Amino acid sequence: MDLQIIQNRIIEIREQRVMLDFHLAELYEVETKVLKQAVRRNIERFSGRLYV
């Protein structure tokens, strides 16, 4: 995936730069559901980061 495309998908919400789950899933070439399951199963790896 082109760097410019990724940068265009980063948005700012309440002064935080974020990327939406469906864009991340596309980046990693998985379904959104699979990405969310992986996060739930490995939540300790995401400590200190806001992931909803």
PDB file of N, CA and C in Angstrom:
ATOM      1  N   MET A   1       0.856  -1.174   0.000  1.00  0.00           N
ATOM      2  CA  MET A   1       0.000   0.000   0.000  1.00  0.00           C
ATOM      3  C   MET A   1       0.899   1.233   0.000  1.00  0.00           C
ATOM      4  N   ASP A   2       0.541   2.181  -0.787  1.00  0.00           N
ATOM      5  CA  ASP A   2       1.311   3.406  -0.945  1.00  0.00           C
ATOM      6  C   ASP A   2       1.283   4.243   0.338  1.00  0.00           C
ATOM      7  N   LEU A   3       2.415   4.814   0.692  1.00  0.00           N
ATOM      8  CA  LEU A   3       2.530   5.621   1.908  1.00  0.00           C
ATOM      9  C   LEU A   3       1.539   6.781   1.912  1.00  0.00           C
ATOM     10  N   GLN A   4       1.325   7.404   0.790  1.00  0.00           N
ATOM     11  CA  GLN A   4       0.396   8.537   0.707  1.00  0.00           C
ATOM     12  C   GLN A   4      -1.029   8.101   1.028  1.00  0.00           C
ATOM     13  N   ILE A   5      -1.411   6.916   0.586  1.00  0.00           N
ATOM     14  CA  ILE A   5      -2.748   6.399   0.883  1.00  0.00           C
ATOM     15  C   ILE A   5      -2.906   6.207   2.386  1.00  0.00           C
ATOM     16  N   ILE A   6      -1.891   5.636   3.027  1.00  0.00           N
ATOM     17  CA  ILE A   6      -1.930   5.423   4.475  1.00  0.00           C
ATOM     18  C   ILE A   6      -2.030   6.755   5.201  1.00  0.00           C
ATOM     19  N   GLN A   7      -1.217   7.710   4.806  1.00  0.00           N
ATOM     20  CA  GLN A   7      -1.239   9.023   5.453  1.00  0.00           C
ATOM     21  C   GLN A   7      -2.593   9.703   5.292  1.00  0.00           C
ATOM     22  N   ASN A   8      -3.244   9.505   4.165  1.00  0.00           N
ATOM     23  CA  ASN A   8      -4.562  10.108   3.935  1.00  0.00           C
ATOM     24  C   ASN A   8      -5.642   9.475   4.798  1.00  0.00           C
ATOM     25  N   ARG A   9      -5.400   8.277   5.289  1.00  0.00           N
ATOM     26  CA  ARG A   9      -6.394   7.583   6.117  1.00  0.00           C
ATOM     27  C   ARG A   9      -6.222   7.873   7.600  1.00  0.00           C
ATOM     28  N   ILE A  10      -5.185   8.555   7.959  1.00  0.00           N
ATOM     29  CA  ILE A  10      -4.992   8.964   9.351  1.00  0.00           C
ATOM     30  C   ILE A  10      -5.799  10.238   9.565  1.00  0.00           C
ATOM     31  N   ILE A  11      -6.665  10.191  10.563  1.00  0.00           N
ATOM     32  CA  ILE A  11      -7.508  11.352  10.856  1.00  0.00           C
ATOM     33  C   ILE A  11      -7.215  11.837  12.269  1.00  0.00           C
ATOM     34  N   GLU A  12      -7.640  13.042  12.569  1.00  0.00           N
ATOM     35  CA  GLU A  12      -7.417  13.598  13.897  1.00  0.00           C
ATOM     36  C   GLU A  12      -8.756  13.764  14.609  1.00  0.00           C
ATOM     37  N   ILE A  13      -8.836  13.159  15.790  1.00  0.00           N
ATOM     38  CA  ILE A  13     -10.028  13.251  16.628  1.00  0.00           C
ATOM     39  C   ILE A  13      -9.572  13.672  18.013  1.00  0.00           C
ATOM     40  N   ARG A  14     -10.090  14.791  18.491  1.00  0.00           N
ATOM     41  CA  ARG A  14      -9.731  15.318  19.815  1.00  0.00           C
ATOM     42  C   ARG A  14      -8.218  15.384  20.007  1.00  0.00           C
ATOM     43  N   GLU A  15      -7.560  15.911  19.014  1.00  0.00           N
ATOM     44  CA  GLU A  15      -6.110  16.121  19.031  1.00  0.00           C
ATOM     45  C   GLU A  15      -5.311  14.820  19.085  1.00  0.00           C
ATOM     46  N   GLN A  16      -5.938  13.706  18.699  1.00  0.00           N
ATOM     47  CA  GLN A  16      -5.251  12.416  18.623  1.00  0.00           C
ATOM     48  C   GLN A  16      -5.299  11.942  17.175  1.00  0.00           C
ATOM     49  N   ARG A  17      -4.166  11.519  16.662  1.00  0.00           N
ATOM     50  CA  ARG A  17      -4.132  10.974  15.311  1.00  0.00           C
ATOM     51  C   ARG A  17      -4.521   9.503  15.380  1.00  0.00           C
ATOM     52  N   VAL A  18      -5.516   9.135  14.587  1.00  0.00           N
ATOM     53  CA  VAL A  18      -6.044   7.772  14.622  1.00  0.00           C
ATOM     54  C   VAL A  18      -6.255   7.239  13.213  1.00  0.00           C
ATOM     55  N   MET A  19      -6.371   5.922  13.153  1.00  0.00           N
ATOM     56  CA  MET A  19      -6.717   5.251  11.912  1.00  0.00           C
ATOM     57  C   MET A  19      -7.884   4.328  12.234  1.00  0.00           C
ATOM     58  N   LEU A  20      -8.916   4.347  11.434  1.00  0.00           N
ATOM     59  CA  LEU A  20     -10.111   3.567  11.704  1.00  0.00           C
ATOM     60  C   LEU A  20      -9.862   2.078  11.494  1.00  0.00           C
ATOM     61  N   ASP A  21     -10.621   1.275  12.235  1.00  0.00           N
ATOM     62  CA  ASP A  21     -10.403  -0.169  12.228  1.00  0.00           C
ATOM     63  C   ASP A  21     -10.499  -0.779  10.836  1.00  0.00           C
ATOM     64  N   PHE A  22     -11.445  -0.344  10.036  1.00  0.00           N
ATOM     65  CA  PHE A  22     -11.583  -0.951   8.716  1.00  0.00           C
ATOM     66  C   PHE A  22     -10.437  -0.575   7.783  1.00  0.00           C
ATOM     67  N   HIS A  23      -9.809   0.577   8.011  1.00  0.00           N
ATOM     68  CA  HIS A  23      -8.624   0.934   7.236  1.00  0.00           C
ATOM     69  C   HIS A  23      -7.422   0.102   7.680  1.00  0.00           C
ATOM     70  N   LEU A  24      -7.291  -0.123   8.987  1.00  0.00           N
ATOM     71  CA  LEU A  24      -6.208  -0.978   9.485  1.00  0.00           C
ATOM     72  C   LEU A  24      -6.363  -2.404   8.968  1.00  0.00           C
ATOM     73  N   ALA A  25      -7.592  -2.903   8.976  1.00  0.00           N
ATOM     74  CA  ALA A  25      -7.847  -4.255   8.476  1.00  0.00           C
ATOM     75  C   ALA A  25      -7.454  -4.359   7.005  1.00  0.00           C
ATOM     76  N   GLU A  26      -7.770  -3.347   6.236  1.00  0.00           N
ATOM     77  CA  GLU A  26      -7.390  -3.342   4.824  1.00  0.00           C
ATOM     78  C   GLU A  26      -5.869  -3.318   4.680  1.00  0.00           C
ATOM     79  N   LEU A  27      -5.211  -2.536   5.505  1.00  0.00           N
ATOM     80  CA  LEU A  27      -3.752  -2.445   5.473  1.00  0.00           C
ATOM     81  C   LEU A  27      -3.109  -3.807   5.733  1.00  0.00           C
ATOM     82  N   TYR A  28      -3.658  -4.548   6.720  1.00  0.00           N
ATOM     83  CA  TYR A  28      -3.113  -5.857   7.079  1.00  0.00           C
ATOM     84  C   TYR A  28      -3.745  -7.000   6.290  1.00  0.00           C
ATOM     85  N   GLU A  29      -4.639  -6.645   5.366  1.00  0.00           N
ATOM     86  CA  GLU A  29      -5.294  -7.619   4.490  1.00  0.00           C
ATOM     87  C   GLU A  29      -6.033  -8.702   5.267  1.00  0.00           C
ATOM     88  N   VAL A  30      -6.816  -8.267   6.262  1.00  0.00           N
ATOM     89  CA  VAL A  30      -7.672  -9.159   7.041  1.00  0.00           C
ATOM     90  C   VAL A  30      -9.045  -8.513   7.159  1.00  0.00           C
ATOM     91  N   GLU A  31     -10.024  -9.300   7.587  1.00  0.00           N
ATOM     92  CA  GLU A  31     -11.348  -8.740   7.839  1.00  0.00           C
ATOM     93  C   GLU A  31     -11.300  -7.933   9.132  1.00  0.00           C
ATOM     94  N   THR A  32     -12.154  -6.933   9.230  1.00  0.00           N
ATOM     95  CA  THR A  32     -12.221  -6.102  10.432  1.00  0.00           C
ATOM     96  C   THR A  32     -12.477  -6.962  11.662  1.00  0.00           C
ATOM     97  N   LYS A  33     -13.355  -7.933  11.524  1.00  0.00           N
ATOM     98  CA  LYS A  33     -13.682  -8.838  12.632  1.00  0.00           C
ATOM     99  C   LYS A  33     -12.428  -9.561  13.136  1.00  0.00           C
ATOM    100  N   VAL A  34     -11.597 -10.021  12.235  1.00  0.00           N
ATOM    101  CA  VAL A  34     -10.372 -10.741  12.591  1.00  0.00           C
ATOM    102  C   VAL A  34      -9.400  -9.814  13.311  1.00  0.00           C
ATOM    103  N   LEU A  35      -9.278  -8.591  12.838  1.00  0.00           N
ATOM    104  CA  LEU A  35      -8.401  -7.610  13.484  1.00  0.00           C
ATOM    105  C   LEU A  35      -8.849  -7.350  14.919  1.00  0.00           C
ATOM    106  N   LYS A  36     -10.141  -7.145  15.119  1.00  0.00           N
ATOM    107  CA  LYS A  36     -10.665  -6.881  16.463  1.00  0.00           C
ATOM    108  C   LYS A  36     -10.469  -8.079  17.384  1.00  0.00           C
ATOM    109  N   GLN A  37     -10.631  -9.293  16.863  1.00  0.00           N
ATOM    110  CA  GLN A  37     -10.397 -10.498  17.664  1.00  0.00           C
ATOM    111  C   GLN A  37      -8.941 -10.568  18.101  1.00  0.00           C
ATOM    112  N   ALA A  38      -8.036 -10.256  17.191  1.00  0.00           N
ATOM    113  CA  ALA A  38      -6.605 -10.295  17.511  1.00  0.00           C
ATOM    114  C   ALA A  38      -6.263  -9.292  18.605  1.00  0.00           C
ATOM    115  N   VAL A  39      -6.861  -8.118  18.540  1.00  0.00           N
ATOM    116  CA  VAL A  39      -6.612  -7.099  19.567  1.00  0.00           C
ATOM    117  C   VAL A  39      -7.136  -7.576  20.913  1.00  0.00           C
ATOM    118  N   ARG A  40      -8.352  -8.114  20.927  1.00  0.00           N
ATOM    119  CA  ARG A  40      -8.924  -8.607  22.191  1.00  0.00           C
ATOM    120  C   ARG A  40      -8.072  -9.722  22.790  1.00  0.00           C
ATOM    121  N   ARG A  41      -7.551 -10.591  21.959  1.00  0.00           N
ATOM    122  CA  ARG A  41      -6.747 -11.718  22.452  1.00  0.00           C
ATOM    123  C   ARG A  41      -5.368 -11.288  22.931  1.00  0.00           C
ATOM    124  N   ASN A  42      -4.906 -10.145  22.471  1.00  0.00           N
ATOM    125  CA  ASN A  42      -3.561  -9.664  22.797  1.00  0.00           C
ATOM    126  C   ASN A  42      -3.598  -8.263  23.377  1.00  0.00           C
ATOM    127  N   ILE A  43      -4.574  -7.984  24.204  1.00  0.00           N
ATOM    128  CA  ILE A  43      -4.798  -6.625  24.704  1.00  0.00           C
ATOM    129  C   ILE A  43      -3.577  -6.083  25.446  1.00  0.00           C
ATOM    130  N   GLU A  44      -2.789  -6.939  26.077  1.00  0.00           N
ATOM    131  CA  GLU A  44      -1.600  -6.471  26.802  1.00  0.00           C
ATOM    132  C   GLU A  44      -0.582  -5.824  25.856  1.00  0.00           C
ATOM    133  N   ARG A  45      -0.570  -6.224  24.623  1.00  0.00           N
ATOM    134  CA  ARG A  45       0.343  -5.618  23.642  1.00  0.00           C
ATOM    135  C   ARG A  45      -0.097  -4.213  23.248  1.00  0.00           C
ATOM    136  N   PHE A  46      -1.344  -3.900  23.534  1.00  0.00           N
ATOM    137  CA  PHE A  46      -1.891  -2.606  23.163  1.00  0.00           C
ATOM    138  C   PHE A  46      -2.019  -1.671  24.356  1.00  0.00           C
ATOM    139  N   SER A  47      -1.471  -2.050  25.496  1.00  0.00           N
ATOM    140  CA  SER A  47      -1.564  -1.192  26.678  1.00  0.00           C
ATOM    141  C   SER A  47      -0.887   0.145  26.404  1.00  0.00           C
ATOM    142  N   GLY A  48      -1.500   1.204  26.886  1.00  0.00           N
ATOM    143  CA  GLY A  48      -0.958   2.537  26.653  1.00  0.00           C
ATOM    144  C   GLY A  48      -1.429   3.141  25.347  1.00  0.00           C
ATOM    145  N   ARG A  49      -2.153   2.368  24.580  1.00  0.00           N
ATOM    146  CA  ARG A  49      -2.685   2.865  23.311  1.00  0.00           C
ATOM    147  C   ARG A  49      -4.198   2.792  23.377  1.00  0.00           C
ATOM    148  N   LEU A  50      -4.831   3.744  22.781  1.00  0.00           N
ATOM    149  CA  LEU A  50      -6.283   3.723  22.734  1.00  0.00           C
ATOM    150  C   LEU A  50      -6.699   2.941  21.506  1.00  0.00           C
ATOM    151  N   TYR A  51      -7.399   1.873  21.719  1.00  0.00           N
ATOM    152  CA  TYR A  51      -7.904   1.076  20.611  1.00  0.00           C
ATOM    153  C   TYR A  51      -9.342   0.730  20.910  1.00  0.00           C
ATOM    154  N   VAL A  52     -10.223   1.205  20.087  1.00  0.00           N
ATOM    155  CA  VAL A  52     -11.653   0.954  20.299  1.00  0.00           C
ATOM    156  C   VAL A  52     -12.222   0.328  19.057  1.00  0.00           C
TER     157      VAL A  52
END
